[in-house]
Each structure stands twice: as C-alpha cells, then as structure tokens.
PDB file of all heavy atoms in Angstrom:
ATOM      1  N   PHE A   1     -33.054  -9.482  15.947  1.00  0.00           N
ATOM      2  CA  PHE A   1     -32.746  -9.124  14.568  1.00  0.00           C
ATOM      3  C   PHE A   1     -32.841 -10.385  13.721  1.00  0.00           C
ATOM      4  O   PHE A   1     -32.181 -11.372  14.038  1.00  0.00           O
ATOM      5  CB  PHE A   1     -31.337  -8.537  14.519  1.00  0.00           C
ATOM      6  CG  PHE A   1     -31.130  -7.244  15.243  1.00  0.00           C
ATOM      7  CD1 PHE A   1     -30.625  -7.213  16.534  1.00  0.00           C
ATOM      8  CD2 PHE A   1     -31.411  -6.038  14.607  1.00  0.00           C
ATOM      9  CE1 PHE A   1     -30.469  -5.950  17.206  1.00  0.00           C
ATOM     10  CE2 PHE A   1     -31.255  -4.827  15.268  1.00  0.00           C
ATOM     11  CZ  PHE A   1     -30.766  -4.807  16.580  1.00  0.00           C
ATOM     12  N   LEU A   2     -33.698 -10.357  12.788  1.00  0.00           N
ATOM     13  CA  LEU A   2     -33.852 -11.480  11.912  1.00  0.00           C
ATOM     14  C   LEU A   2     -33.065 -11.209  10.629  1.00  0.00           C
ATOM     15  O   LEU A   2     -33.349 -10.298   9.813  1.00  0.00           O
ATOM     16  CB  LEU A   2     -35.342 -11.711  11.589  1.00  0.00           C
ATOM     17  CG  LEU A   2     -36.221 -11.928  12.804  1.00  0.00           C
ATOM     18  CD1 LEU A   2     -37.649 -12.182  12.360  1.00  0.00           C
ATOM     19  CD2 LEU A   2     -35.772 -13.200  13.492  1.00  0.00           C
ATOM     20  N   ILE A   3     -31.998 -11.982  10.396  1.00  0.00           N
ATOM     21  CA  ILE A   3     -31.141 -11.795   9.235  1.00  0.00           C
ATOM     22  C   ILE A   3     -31.105 -13.069   8.422  1.00  0.00           C
ATOM     23  O   ILE A   3     -31.308 -14.166   8.922  1.00  0.00           O
ATOM     24  CB  ILE A   3     -29.724 -11.449   9.716  1.00  0.00           C
ATOM     25  CG1 ILE A   3     -29.773 -10.223  10.633  1.00  0.00           C
ATOM     26  CG2 ILE A   3     -28.773 -11.167   8.537  1.00  0.00           C
ATOM     27  CD1 ILE A   3     -28.450  -9.821  11.200  1.00  0.00           C
ATOM     28  N   GLY A   4     -30.864 -12.940   7.140  1.00  0.00           N
ATOM     29  CA  GLY A   4     -30.815 -14.128   6.223  1.00  0.00           C
ATOM     30  C   GLY A   4     -29.698 -15.058   6.521  1.00  0.00           C
ATOM     31  O   GLY A   4     -29.161 -15.140   7.625  1.00  0.00           O
ATOM     32  N   ASP A   5     -29.242 -15.858   5.543  1.00  0.00           N
ATOM     33  CA  ASP A   5     -28.295 -16.921   5.704  1.00  0.00           C
ATOM     34  C   ASP A   5     -26.926 -16.404   6.067  1.00  0.00           C
ATOM     35  O   ASP A   5     -26.109 -17.118   6.640  1.00  0.00           O
ATOM     36  CB  ASP A   5     -28.193 -17.755   4.464  1.00  0.00           C
ATOM     37  CG  ASP A   5     -29.489 -18.519   4.152  1.00  0.00           C
ATOM     38  OD1 ASP A   5     -30.257 -18.728   5.084  1.00  0.00           O
ATOM     39  OD2 ASP A   5     -29.718 -18.789   2.961  1.00  0.00           O
ATOM     40  N   PHE A   6     -26.672 -15.202   5.686  1.00  0.00           N
ATOM     41  CA  PHE A   6     -25.262 -14.639   5.957  1.00  0.00           C
ATOM     42  C   PHE A   6     -25.367 -13.211   6.331  1.00  0.00           C
ATOM     43  O   PHE A   6     -26.130 -12.432   5.693  1.00  0.00           O
ATOM     44  CB  PHE A   6     -24.405 -14.821   4.734  1.00  0.00           C
ATOM     45  CG  PHE A   6     -22.967 -14.239   4.851  1.00  0.00           C
ATOM     46  CD1 PHE A   6     -22.014 -14.927   5.526  1.00  0.00           C
ATOM     47  CD2 PHE A   6     -22.690 -13.056   4.260  1.00  0.00           C
ATOM     48  CE1 PHE A   6     -20.755 -14.389   5.653  1.00  0.00           C
ATOM     49  CE2 PHE A   6     -21.446 -12.480   4.392  1.00  0.00           C
ATOM     50  CZ  PHE A   6     -20.446 -13.197   5.109  1.00  0.00           C
ATOM     51  N   ALA A   7     -24.545 -12.810   7.320  1.00  0.00           N
ATOM     52  CA  ALA A   7     -24.462 -11.453   7.666  1.00  0.00           C
ATOM     53  C   ALA A   7     -23.047 -10.979   7.961  1.00  0.00           C
ATOM     54  O   ALA A   7     -22.296 -11.826   8.573  1.00  0.00           O
ATOM     55  CB  ALA A   7     -25.383 -11.039   8.931  1.00  0.00           C
ATOM     56  N   GLU A   8     -22.690  -9.823   7.545  1.00  0.00           N
ATOM     57  CA  GLU A   8     -21.338  -9.345   7.784  1.00  0.00           C
ATOM     58  C   GLU A   8     -21.434  -7.869   8.203  1.00  0.00           C
ATOM     59  O   GLU A   8     -22.094  -7.055   7.664  1.00  0.00           O
ATOM     60  CB  GLU A   8     -20.494  -9.432   6.497  1.00  0.00           C
ATOM     61  CG  GLU A   8     -19.110  -8.954   6.660  1.00  0.00           C
ATOM     62  CD  GLU A   8     -18.279  -9.181   5.359  1.00  0.00           C
ATOM     63  OE1 GLU A   8     -18.588 -10.001   4.586  1.00  0.00           O
ATOM     64  OE2 GLU A   8     -17.316  -8.346   5.165  1.00  0.00           O
ATOM     65  N   ILE A   9     -20.699  -7.588   9.321  1.00  0.00           N
ATOM     66  CA  ILE A   9     -20.653  -6.218   9.813  1.00  0.00           C
ATOM     67  C   ILE A   9     -19.207  -5.675   9.741  1.00  0.00           C
ATOM     68  O   ILE A   9     -18.264  -6.322  10.272  1.00  0.00           O
ATOM     69  CB  ILE A   9     -21.123  -6.178  11.309  1.00  0.00           C
ATOM     70  CG1 ILE A   9     -22.533  -6.733  11.404  1.00  0.00           C
ATOM     71  CG2 ILE A   9     -21.055  -4.696  11.856  1.00  0.00           C
ATOM     72  CD1 ILE A   9     -23.051  -6.766  12.840  1.00  0.00           C
ATOM     73  N   ASN A  10     -19.033  -4.604   9.052  1.00  0.00           N
ATOM     74  CA  ASN A  10     -17.701  -4.023   8.862  1.00  0.00           C
ATOM     75  C   ASN A  10     -17.710  -2.639   9.597  1.00  0.00           C
ATOM     76  O   ASN A  10     -18.583  -1.831   9.368  1.00  0.00           O
ATOM     77  CB  ASN A  10     -17.384  -3.844   7.397  1.00  0.00           C
ATOM     78  CG  ASN A  10     -17.278  -5.134   6.620  1.00  0.00           C
ATOM     79  OD1 ASN A  10     -16.596  -6.036   7.145  1.00  0.00           O
ATOM     80  ND2 ASN A  10     -17.980  -5.311   5.542  1.00  0.00           N
ATOM     81  N   PHE A  11     -16.696  -2.466  10.420  1.00  0.00           N
ATOM     82  CA  PHE A  11     -16.525  -1.136  11.098  1.00  0.00           C
ATOM     83  C   PHE A  11     -15.335  -0.437  10.446  1.00  0.00           C
ATOM     84  O   PHE A  11     -14.276  -0.990  10.420  1.00  0.00           O
ATOM     85  CB  PHE A  11     -16.297  -1.379  12.603  1.00  0.00           C
ATOM     86  CG  PHE A  11     -17.365  -2.031  13.291  1.00  0.00           C
ATOM     87  CD1 PHE A  11     -17.354  -3.430  13.560  1.00  0.00           C
ATOM     88  CD2 PHE A  11     -18.472  -1.315  13.678  1.00  0.00           C
ATOM     89  CE1 PHE A  11     -18.399  -4.036  14.237  1.00  0.00           C
ATOM     90  CE2 PHE A  11     -19.549  -1.944  14.378  1.00  0.00           C
ATOM     91  CZ  PHE A  11     -19.499  -3.290  14.649  1.00  0.00           C
ATOM     92  N   ARG A  12     -15.576   0.769   9.963  1.00  0.00           N
ATOM     93  CA  ARG A  12     -14.471   1.572   9.367  1.00  0.00           C
ATOM     94  C   ARG A  12     -13.504   1.990  10.412  1.00  0.00           C
ATOM     95  O   ARG A  12     -12.265   2.117  10.075  1.00  0.00           O
ATOM     96  CB  ARG A  12     -15.072   2.830   8.668  1.00  0.00           C
ATOM     97  CG  ARG A  12     -16.008   2.480   7.491  1.00  0.00           C
ATOM     98  CD  ARG A  12     -16.557   3.678   6.871  1.00  0.00           C
ATOM     99  NE  ARG A  12     -15.487   4.524   6.348  1.00  0.00           N
ATOM    100  CZ  ARG A  12     -15.680   5.763   5.800  1.00  0.00           C
ATOM    101  NH1 ARG A  12     -16.931   6.189   5.716  1.00  0.00           N
ATOM    102  NH2 ARG A  12     -14.670   6.446   5.376  1.00  0.00           N
ATOM    103  N   GLU A  13     -13.954   2.171  11.627  1.00  0.00           N
ATOM    104  CA  GLU A  13     -13.056   2.604  12.745  1.00  0.00           C
ATOM    105  C   GLU A  13     -13.301   1.617  13.840  1.00  0.00           C
ATOM    106  O   GLU A  13     -13.694   0.493  13.697  1.00  0.00           O
ATOM    107  CB  GLU A  13     -13.266   4.048  13.072  1.00  0.00           C
ATOM    108  CG  GLU A  13     -13.122   5.051  11.929  1.00  0.00           C
ATOM    109  CD  GLU A  13     -11.679   5.152  11.453  1.00  0.00           C
ATOM    110  OE1 GLU A  13     -10.768   4.732  12.180  1.00  0.00           O
ATOM    111  OE2 GLU A  13     -11.465   5.649  10.307  1.00  0.00           O
ATOM    112  N   SER A  14     -13.055   2.151  15.095  1.00  0.00           N
ATOM    113  CA  SER A  14     -13.247   1.314  16.307  1.00  0.00           C
ATOM    114  C   SER A  14     -14.734   1.077  16.550  1.00  0.00           C
ATOM    115  O   SER A  14     -15.567   1.870  16.085  1.00  0.00           O
ATOM    116  CB  SER A  14     -12.566   1.955  17.463  1.00  0.00           C
ATOM    117  OG  SER A  14     -13.091   3.200  17.710  1.00  0.00           O
ATOM    118  N   ALA A  15     -15.097   0.060  17.334  1.00  0.00           N
ATOM    119  CA  ALA A  15     -16.461  -0.253  17.636  1.00  0.00           C
ATOM    120  C   ALA A  15     -16.541  -0.762  19.064  1.00  0.00           C
ATOM    121  O   ALA A  15     -15.541  -1.312  19.624  1.00  0.00           O
ATOM    122  CB  ALA A  15     -17.020  -1.305  16.679  1.00  0.00           C
ATOM    123  N   ALA A  16     -17.637  -0.599  19.691  1.00  0.00           N
ATOM    124  CA  ALA A  16     -17.815  -1.017  21.136  1.00  0.00           C
ATOM    125  C   ALA A  16     -19.261  -1.548  21.326  1.00  0.00           C
ATOM    126  O   ALA A  16     -20.147  -0.984  20.727  1.00  0.00           O
ATOM    127  CB  ALA A  16     -17.480   0.066  22.105  1.00  0.00           C
ATOM    128  N   ILE A  17     -19.419  -2.510  22.134  1.00  0.00           N
ATOM    129  CA  ILE A  17     -20.723  -2.990  22.599  1.00  0.00           C
ATOM    130  C   ILE A  17     -20.724  -2.826  24.120  1.00  0.00           C
ATOM    131  O   ILE A  17     -19.841  -3.376  24.819  1.00  0.00           O
ATOM    132  CB  ILE A  17     -21.013  -4.452  22.295  1.00  0.00           C
ATOM    133  CG1 ILE A  17     -21.033  -4.671  20.755  1.00  0.00           C
ATOM    134  CG2 ILE A  17     -22.249  -4.938  22.913  1.00  0.00           C
ATOM    135  CD1 ILE A  17     -21.132  -6.094  20.349  1.00  0.00           C
ATOM    136  N   THR A  18     -21.694  -2.033  24.685  1.00  0.00           N
ATOM    137  CA  THR A  18     -21.719  -1.781  26.132  1.00  0.00           C
ATOM    138  C   THR A  18     -22.799  -2.650  26.714  1.00  0.00           C
ATOM    139  O   THR A  18     -23.991  -2.668  26.252  1.00  0.00           O
ATOM    140  CB  THR A  18     -22.054  -0.253  26.328  1.00  0.00           C
ATOM    141  OG1 THR A  18     -21.026   0.561  25.721  1.00  0.00           O
ATOM    142  CG2 THR A  18     -22.082   0.021  27.815  1.00  0.00           C
ATOM    143  N   ILE A  19     -22.439  -3.392  27.739  1.00  0.00           N
ATOM    144  CA  ILE A  19     -23.443  -4.225  28.522  1.00  0.00           C
ATOM    145  C   ILE A  19     -23.666  -3.544  29.781  1.00  0.00           C
ATOM    146  O   ILE A  19     -22.756  -3.138  30.557  1.00  0.00           O
ATOM    147  CB  ILE A  19     -22.806  -5.616  28.704  1.00  0.00           C
ATOM    148  CG1 ILE A  19     -22.409  -6.232  27.287  1.00  0.00           C
ATOM    149  CG2 ILE A  19     -23.740  -6.533  29.429  1.00  0.00           C
ATOM    150  CD1 ILE A  19     -21.651  -7.542  27.461  1.00  0.00           C
ATOM    151  N   ASP A  20     -24.962  -3.494  30.150  1.00  0.00           N
ATOM    152  CA  ASP A  20     -25.373  -2.824  31.372  1.00  0.00           C
ATOM    153  C   ASP A  20     -24.853  -1.398  31.475  1.00  0.00           C
ATOM    154  O   ASP A  20     -24.137  -1.022  32.416  1.00  0.00           O
ATOM    155  CB  ASP A  20     -24.937  -3.634  32.602  1.00  0.00           C
ATOM    156  CG  ASP A  20     -25.540  -3.136  33.909  1.00  0.00           C
ATOM    157  OD1 ASP A  20     -26.591  -2.460  33.885  1.00  0.00           O
ATOM    158  OD2 ASP A  20     -24.894  -3.373  34.987  1.00  0.00           O
ATOM    159  N   SER A  21     -25.245  -0.604  30.511  1.00  0.00           N
ATOM    160  CA  SER A  21     -24.731   0.797  30.384  1.00  0.00           C
ATOM    161  C   SER A  21     -25.070   1.637  31.585  1.00  0.00           C
ATOM    162  O   SER A  21     -24.358   2.585  31.908  1.00  0.00           O
ATOM    163  CB  SER A  21     -25.229   1.408  29.071  1.00  0.00           C
ATOM    164  OG  SER A  21     -26.660   1.493  29.104  1.00  0.00           O
ATOM    165  N   ASP A  22     -26.152   1.304  32.291  1.00  0.00           N
ATOM    166  CA  ASP A  22     -26.551   2.107  33.477  1.00  0.00           C
ATOM    167  C   ASP A  22     -25.932   1.564  34.770  1.00  0.00           C
ATOM    168  O   ASP A  22     -26.133   2.029  35.868  1.00  0.00           O
ATOM    169  CB  ASP A  22     -28.067   2.201  33.654  1.00  0.00           C
ATOM    170  CG  ASP A  22     -28.719   0.857  33.613  1.00  0.00           C
ATOM    171  OD1 ASP A  22     -28.043  -0.137  33.607  1.00  0.00           O
ATOM    172  OD2 ASP A  22     -30.022   0.851  33.634  1.00  0.00           O
ATOM    173  N   ASN A  23     -25.177   0.440  34.608  1.00  0.00           N
ATOM    174  CA  ASN A  23     -24.365  -0.130  35.707  1.00  0.00           C
ATOM    175  C   ASN A  23     -25.216  -0.447  36.915  1.00  0.00           C
ATOM    176  O   ASN A  23     -24.771  -0.168  38.078  1.00  0.00           O
ATOM    177  CB  ASN A  23     -23.180   0.795  36.005  1.00  0.00           C
ATOM    178  CG  ASN A  23     -22.104   0.083  36.816  1.00  0.00           C
ATOM    179  OD1 ASN A  23     -21.912  -1.131  36.603  1.00  0.00           O
ATOM    180  ND2 ASN A  23     -21.441   0.822  37.650  1.00  0.00           N
ATOM    181  N   ASN A  24     -26.378  -1.006  36.730  1.00  0.00           N
ATOM    182  CA  ASN A  24     -27.262  -1.296  37.873  1.00  0.00           C
ATOM    183  C   ASN A  24     -27.563  -2.757  38.059  1.00  0.00           C
ATOM    184  O   ASN A  24     -28.448  -3.183  38.807  1.00  0.00           O
ATOM    185  CB  ASN A  24     -28.597  -0.469  37.798  1.00  0.00           C
ATOM    186  CG  ASN A  24     -29.410  -0.924  36.631  1.00  0.00           C
ATOM    187  OD1 ASN A  24     -28.963  -1.698  35.768  1.00  0.00           O
ATOM    188  ND2 ASN A  24     -30.659  -0.431  36.548  1.00  0.00           N
ATOM    189  N   GLN A  25     -26.879  -3.656  37.305  1.00  0.00           N
ATOM    190  CA  GLN A  25     -27.114  -5.006  37.382  1.00  0.00           C
ATOM    191  C   GLN A  25     -25.760  -5.755  37.561  1.00  0.00           C
ATOM    192  O   GLN A  25     -24.700  -5.211  37.072  1.00  0.00           O
ATOM    193  CB  GLN A  25     -27.819  -5.547  36.144  1.00  0.00           C
ATOM    194  CG  GLN A  25     -29.230  -4.987  35.943  1.00  0.00           C
ATOM    195  CD  GLN A  25     -30.210  -5.501  36.891  1.00  0.00           C
ATOM    196  OE1 GLN A  25     -30.042  -6.571  37.535  1.00  0.00           O
ATOM    197  NE2 GLN A  25     -31.280  -4.742  37.059  1.00  0.00           N
ATOM    198  N   SER A  26     -25.790  -6.963  38.062  1.00  0.00           N
ATOM    199  CA  SER A  26     -24.510  -7.663  38.224  1.00  0.00           C
ATOM    200  C   SER A  26     -24.507  -9.000  37.454  1.00  0.00           C
ATOM    201  O   SER A  26     -23.530  -9.738  37.551  1.00  0.00           O
ATOM    202  CB  SER A  26     -24.297  -8.043  39.775  1.00  0.00           C
ATOM    203  OG  SER A  26     -25.432  -8.870  40.193  1.00  0.00           O
ATOM    204  N   SER A  27     -25.544  -9.185  36.660  1.00  0.00           N
ATOM    205  CA  SER A  27     -25.569 -10.462  35.900  1.00  0.00           C
ATOM    206  C   SER A  27     -25.866 -10.258  34.459  1.00  0.00           C
ATOM    207  O   SER A  27     -26.296 -11.179  33.717  1.00  0.00           O
ATOM    208  CB  SER A  27     -26.628 -11.348  36.507  1.00  0.00           C
ATOM    209  OG  SER A  27     -27.915 -10.735  36.434  1.00  0.00           O
ATOM    210  N   ARG A  28     -25.623  -9.030  33.875  1.00  0.00           N
ATOM    211  CA  ARG A  28     -25.767  -8.786  32.468  1.00  0.00           C
ATOM    212  C   ARG A  28     -24.685  -9.433  31.724  1.00  0.00           C
ATOM    213  O   ARG A  28     -23.568  -9.513  32.123  1.00  0.00           O
ATOM    214  CB  ARG A  28     -25.874  -7.295  32.165  1.00  0.00           C
ATOM    215  CG  ARG A  28     -26.989  -6.589  32.832  1.00  0.00           C
ATOM    216  CD  ARG A  28     -28.352  -7.159  32.581  1.00  0.00           C
ATOM    217  NE  ARG A  28     -29.478  -6.395  33.092  1.00  0.00           N
ATOM    218  CZ  ARG A  28     -30.699  -6.806  33.163  1.00  0.00           C
ATOM    219  NH1 ARG A  28     -31.000  -8.105  32.846  1.00  0.00           N
ATOM    220  NH2 ARG A  28     -31.652  -6.041  33.597  1.00  0.00           N
ATOM    221  N   ASN A  29     -25.014  -9.919  30.475  1.00  0.00           N
ATOM    222  CA  ASN A  29     -23.970 -10.538  29.657  1.00  0.00           C
ATOM    223  C   ASN A  29     -24.310 -10.385  28.182  1.00  0.00           C
ATOM    224  O   ASN A  29     -25.406 -10.053  27.798  1.00  0.00           O
ATOM    225  CB  ASN A  29     -23.892 -11.962  30.054  1.00  0.00           C
ATOM    226  CG  ASN A  29     -25.174 -12.742  29.802  1.00  0.00           C
ATOM    227  OD1 ASN A  29     -25.491 -13.089  28.711  1.00  0.00           O
ATOM    228  ND2 ASN A  29     -25.878 -13.040  30.881  1.00  0.00           N
ATOM    229  N   PHE A  30     -23.303 -10.691  27.371  1.00  0.00           N
ATOM    230  CA  PHE A  30     -23.395 -10.675  25.954  1.00  0.00           C
ATOM    231  C   PHE A  30     -23.111 -12.123  25.523  1.00  0.00           C
ATOM    232  O   PHE A  30     -22.140 -12.759  25.856  1.00  0.00           O
ATOM    233  CB  PHE A  30     -22.384  -9.736  25.324  1.00  0.00           C
ATOM    234  CG  PHE A  30     -22.271  -9.826  23.756  1.00  0.00           C
ATOM    235  CD1 PHE A  30     -23.212  -9.283  23.048  1.00  0.00           C
ATOM    236  CD2 PHE A  30     -21.255 -10.505  23.217  1.00  0.00           C
ATOM    237  CE1 PHE A  30     -23.173  -9.333  21.594  1.00  0.00           C
ATOM    238  CE2 PHE A  30     -21.150 -10.615  21.860  1.00  0.00           C
ATOM    239  CZ  PHE A  30     -22.143 -10.043  21.049  1.00  0.00           C
ATOM    240  N   GLN A  31     -24.019 -12.651  24.614  1.00  0.00           N
ATOM    241  CA  GLN A  31     -23.876 -14.057  24.153  1.00  0.00           C
ATOM    242  C   GLN A  31     -23.932 -14.163  22.672  1.00  0.00           C
ATOM    243  O   GLN A  31     -24.626 -13.433  21.991  1.00  0.00           O
ATOM    244  CB  GLN A  31     -24.986 -14.923  24.808  1.00  0.00           C
ATOM    245  CG  GLN A  31     -24.933 -15.023  26.347  1.00  0.00           C
ATOM    246  CD  GLN A  31     -25.970 -15.996  26.822  1.00  0.00           C
ATOM    247  OE1 GLN A  31     -26.110 -17.119  26.288  1.00  0.00           O
ATOM    248  NE2 GLN A  31     -26.741 -15.626  27.872  1.00  0.00           N
ATOM    249  N   ILE A  32     -23.265 -15.221  22.231  1.00  0.00           N
ATOM    250  CA  ILE A  32     -23.392 -15.630  20.826  1.00  0.00           C
ATOM    251  C   ILE A  32     -23.952 -17.027  20.907  1.00  0.00           C
ATOM    252  O   ILE A  32     -23.429 -17.938  21.572  1.00  0.00           O
ATOM    253  CB  ILE A  32     -22.032 -15.635  20.085  1.00  0.00           C
ATOM    254  CG1 ILE A  32     -21.468 -14.238  20.034  1.00  0.00           C
ATOM    255  CG2 ILE A  32     -22.224 -16.262  18.695  1.00  0.00           C
ATOM    256  CD1 ILE A  32     -20.106 -14.171  19.346  1.00  0.00           C
ATOM    257  N   LYS A  33     -25.135 -17.212  20.206  1.00  0.00           N
ATOM    258  CA  LYS A  33     -25.869 -18.538  20.340  1.00  0.00           C
ATOM    259  C   LYS A  33     -25.943 -19.194  18.961  1.00  0.00           C
ATOM    260  O   LYS A  33     -25.866 -18.545  17.913  1.00  0.00           O
ATOM    261  CB  LYS A  33     -27.206 -18.303  20.933  1.00  0.00           C
ATOM    262  CG  LYS A  33     -27.221 -17.799  22.322  1.00  0.00           C
ATOM    263  CD  LYS A  33     -28.654 -17.687  22.888  1.00  0.00           C
ATOM    264  CE  LYS A  33     -28.703 -17.248  24.308  1.00  0.00           C
ATOM    265  NZ  LYS A  33     -30.078 -17.153  24.910  1.00  0.00           N
ATOM    266  N   ASP A  34     -26.150 -20.526  18.985  1.00  0.00           N
ATOM    267  CA  ASP A  34     -26.439 -21.181  17.681  1.00  0.00           C
ATOM    268  C   ASP A  34     -27.939 -21.200  17.392  1.00  0.00           C
ATOM    269  O   ASP A  34     -28.699 -20.585  18.121  1.00  0.00           O
ATOM    270  CB  ASP A  34     -25.841 -22.584  17.772  1.00  0.00           C
ATOM    271  CG  ASP A  34     -26.519 -23.502  18.843  1.00  0.00           C
ATOM    272  OD1 ASP A  34     -27.570 -23.112  19.351  1.00  0.00           O
ATOM    273  OD2 ASP A  34     -25.946 -24.542  19.196  1.00  0.00           O
TER     274      ASP A  34
END
C-alpha cells in the first residue's frame, strides 16, 4: 500500500488483523517497519 506523508485509520467498532488465517504455517508474522 503506497500512502502519502500521513495516514490515519479509524474503526467505528472493533477491528482484527488475522495472520495465517488458514493456519498452515508456523512462521507467519505481522510487522511494522520504518
């Protein structure tokens, strides 16, 4: 995702990020990078 200088995400209710949704890997991860 290519976003400009600033990005803001607002969730009106609850939110979830699912990693390895098919549950077939042991090394999946979620990262925040510079």
